Amino acid sequence: RKHRQLYLESTHVPACIGELEQPSVFSFMNKTDKKYSTTDPRQLKATDALISLLADDMLPLSLVMSASFRKFQTADNISNAYDEVTASYDLTGKVSNVITDNASNLLKAFRLPGFSTEPDSDDEDESKAVDLNDDLQLLTEHDSCFAHSLQLIVKDGFKDTASLNKVLSKAANIVSHVS
């Protein structure tokens, strides 16, 4: 099934923010007649944060929120931005799967959350013990994008075949002259 996509650029965010803050973002998406697809998200500035939320409501829906991201794109900052966006749409604990490319900062940002590196206290009250199985069911699953993974495999395969690179280079030159 195809996903409907709505790309919000920073120029559109102020105009839409009032409607997006209403209780249900899905009702807003269903009411919207025009699309805000302005650019490919890969062409946005590196300072723009792209948080993609997938939701299954009759038709799969992919919402890419583009907000100014002035911090370094570290795993901690990405994780905090994700938490802020899910909280702002009341989706905390409701997102079942997050799909990202294979960037190391994204992979690190979506590793198992909630585990601290601080040593446990021996004085902990047993009555406050938490059933770990219940908590593990609430964790969001993270997957790498299949298309990005496949692209890396193909790219690595082409590195080892010099003769094929010459043929592909000539074909690319022909295509660039035709188009």
Protein backbone atom coordinates (compact mmCIF):
# COMPACT_ATOMS: atom_id res chain seq x y z
CA ARG A 1 0.00 0.00 0.00
CA LYS A 2 1.17 3.48 -0.76
CA HIS A 3 1.57 6.08 1.97
CA ARG A 4 0.03 9.51 1.68
CA GLN A 5 2.74 12.01 2.48
CA LEU A 6 2.56 15.57 3.68
CA TYR A 7 5.76 17.57 3.66
CA LEU A 8 5.72 20.70 5.77
CA GLU A 9 8.44 23.22 5.08
CA SER A 10 9.28 25.94 7.57
CA THR A 11 7.35 28.45 5.42
CA HIS A 12 4.16 26.40 5.77
CA VAL A 13 4.49 25.58 9.45
CA PRO A 14 3.32 29.00 10.78
CA ALA A 15 0.24 28.90 8.53
CA CYS A 16 -0.70 25.37 9.59
CA ILE A 17 0.39 25.38 13.22
CA GLY A 18 -3.02 26.43 14.53
CA GLU A 19 -4.74 23.54 12.81
CA LEU A 20 -2.00 21.04 13.72
CA GLU A 21 -2.35 21.83 17.41
CA GLN A 22 -5.98 20.72 17.44
CA PRO A 23 -6.65 17.49 19.34
CA SER A 24 -6.53 15.17 16.36
CA VAL A 25 -3.89 15.58 13.68
CA PHE A 26 -5.64 12.85 11.71
CA SER A 27 -8.85 14.85 11.35
CA PHE A 28 -6.74 17.75 10.03
CA MET A 29 -5.08 15.46 7.50
CA ASN A 30 -8.42 14.11 6.32
CA LYS A 31 -9.90 17.64 5.95
CA THR A 32 -6.98 19.01 3.96
CA ASP A 33 -7.64 19.34 0.23
CA LYS A 34 -4.34 20.75 -0.96
CA LYS A 35 -0.98 19.11 -0.54
CA TYR A 36 2.04 20.80 0.91
CA SER A 37 4.55 18.74 -1.05
CA THR A 38 7.12 21.37 -1.86
CA THR A 39 10.49 19.67 -1.93
CA ASP A 40 12.13 16.35 -1.54
CA PRO A 41 13.04 16.04 2.16
CA ARG A 42 16.58 15.04 1.14
CA GLN A 43 17.02 18.53 -0.32
CA LEU A 44 16.11 20.36 2.88
CA LYS A 45 18.86 22.15 4.76
CA ALA A 46 20.88 20.08 7.20
CA THR A 47 19.61 22.34 9.98
CA ASP A 48 16.03 21.16 9.43
CA ALA A 49 14.87 18.34 11.64
CA LEU A 50 12.85 15.66 9.92
CA ILE A 51 10.78 13.60 12.23
CA SER A 52 8.70 11.03 10.42
CA LEU A 53 5.68 9.64 12.17
CA LEU A 54 3.85 6.71 10.63
CA ALA A 55 0.31 6.06 11.71
CA ASP A 56 -2.22 3.55 10.51
CA ASP A 57 -5.63 5.24 10.28
CA MET A 58 -7.70 3.69 7.47
CA LEU A 59 -4.87 4.50 5.02
CA PRO A 60 -1.24 4.55 6.15
CA LEU A 61 -0.15 8.09 6.76
CA SER A 62 3.37 9.45 6.78
CA LEU A 63 3.82 12.85 8.36
CA VAL A 64 7.16 14.54 7.98
CA MET A 65 7.48 17.41 10.40
CA SER A 66 10.09 19.94 9.43
CA ALA A 67 11.06 22.23 12.25
CA SER A 68 14.13 24.30 12.79
CA PHE A 69 16.81 22.12 14.35
CA ARG A 70 19.61 24.39 15.49
CA LYS A 71 21.40 21.82 17.64
CA PHE A 72 24.02 19.33 16.53
CA GLN A 73 22.38 16.25 15.09
CA THR A 74 23.57 13.92 17.83
CA ALA A 75 21.70 10.82 18.92
CA ASP A 76 20.62 12.52 22.16
CA ASN A 77 19.29 15.61 20.35
CA ILE A 78 17.44 13.49 17.77
CA SER A 79 15.95 11.33 20.50
CA ASN A 80 14.83 14.41 22.45
CA ALA A 81 13.28 15.94 19.31
CA TYR A 82 11.43 12.68 18.62
CA ASP A 83 10.12 12.63 22.20
CA GLU A 84 8.95 16.26 21.90
CA VAL A 85 7.11 15.62 18.63
CA THR A 86 5.40 12.45 19.84
CA ALA A 87 4.38 14.22 23.05
CA SER A 88 3.03 17.24 21.15
CA TYR A 89 0.73 14.98 19.09
CA ASP A 90 -0.19 12.81 22.10
CA LEU A 91 1.52 9.80 20.51
CA THR A 92 3.85 8.89 23.38
CA GLY A 93 3.75 5.12 23.77
CA LYS A 94 1.47 4.74 20.72
CA VAL A 95 4.09 4.60 17.93
CA SER A 96 4.88 0.96 17.23
CA ASN A 97 7.67 1.31 14.68
CA VAL A 98 10.21 3.94 13.64
CA ILE A 99 12.02 3.57 10.31
CA THR A 100 15.18 5.57 9.57
CA ASP A 101 18.11 5.45 7.21
CA ASN A 102 21.35 3.84 8.38
CA ALA A 103 23.08 6.95 9.74
CA SER A 104 24.93 6.09 12.94
CA ASN A 105 23.36 8.97 14.87
CA LEU A 106 19.85 7.73 13.99
CA LEU A 107 20.67 4.12 14.81
CA LYS A 108 22.03 5.19 18.19
CA ALA A 109 19.08 7.52 18.86
CA PHE A 110 16.56 4.70 18.57
CA ARG A 111 18.36 1.96 20.50
CA LEU A 112 16.58 0.63 23.56
CA PRO A 113 15.57 3.64 25.64
CA GLY A 114 15.21 3.86 29.36
CA PHE A 115 18.33 2.02 30.39
CA SER A 116 20.76 4.08 32.41
CA THR A 117 24.44 3.33 32.88
CA GLU A 118 24.28 4.25 36.57
CA PRO A 119 24.80 1.32 38.96
CA ASP A 120 21.69 0.08 40.72
CA SER A 121 21.34 0.83 44.38
CA ASP A 122 21.32 -2.17 46.71
CA ASP A 123 18.94 -0.25 48.97
CA GLU A 124 16.14 -0.33 46.40
CA ASP A 125 12.79 -1.19 47.90
CA GLU A 126 11.47 -4.44 46.44
CA SER A 127 7.92 -3.09 46.52
CA LYS A 128 8.95 -0.57 43.86
CA ALA A 129 10.26 -3.26 41.51
CA VAL A 130 8.96 -2.99 37.95
CA ASP A 131 7.94 -5.91 35.78
CA LEU A 132 10.36 -5.62 32.86
CA ASN A 133 8.16 -7.67 30.50
CA ASP A 134 5.39 -5.06 30.69
CA ASP A 135 7.85 -2.27 29.87
CA LEU A 136 9.41 -4.12 26.93
CA GLN A 137 6.02 -4.39 25.23
CA LEU A 138 5.76 -0.58 25.25
CA LEU A 139 9.09 0.00 23.48
CA THR A 140 9.00 1.36 19.96
CA GLU A 141 10.56 -0.96 17.41
CA HIS A 142 13.25 0.54 15.17
CA ASP A 143 13.99 -0.68 11.65
CA SER A 144 16.38 0.50 8.98
CA CYS A 145 14.82 1.59 5.70
CA PHE A 146 14.99 -1.32 3.26
CA ALA A 147 15.60 0.96 0.27
CA HIS A 148 18.55 2.66 1.98
CA SER A 149 20.03 -0.72 2.97
CA LEU A 150 19.60 -2.07 -0.55
CA GLN A 151 21.23 1.04 -2.00
CA LEU A 152 24.29 0.51 0.22
CA ILE A 153 24.54 -3.13 -0.87
CA VAL A 154 24.37 -2.21 -4.56
CA LYS A 155 26.88 0.62 -4.09
CA ASP A 156 29.34 -1.72 -2.36
CA GLY A 157 28.87 -4.26 -5.15
CA PHE A 158 29.69 -1.69 -7.82
CA LYS A 159 32.94 -0.73 -6.05
CA ASP A 160 34.38 -4.18 -6.75
CA THR A 161 33.56 -4.24 -10.48
CA ALA A 162 35.74 -1.73 -12.34
CA SER A 163 34.58 -2.83 -15.81
CA LEU A 164 30.94 -2.34 -14.86
CA ASN A 165 31.72 1.16 -13.57
CA LYS A 166 33.02 2.15 -17.02
CA VAL A 167 29.83 0.91 -18.70
CA LEU A 168 27.62 2.68 -16.13
CA SER A 169 29.61 5.89 -16.54
CA LYS A 170 29.14 5.83 -20.32
CA ALA A 171 25.42 5.09 -19.93
CA ALA A 172 25.07 7.99 -17.47
CA ASN A 173 26.77 10.34 -19.96
CA ILE A 174 24.39 9.25 -22.72
CA VAL A 175 21.35 9.74 -20.49
CA SER A 176 22.53 13.18 -19.35
CA HIS A 177 22.86 14.33 -22.99
CA VAL A 178 19.39 13.04 -23.90
CA SER A 179 17.59 14.61 -20.95
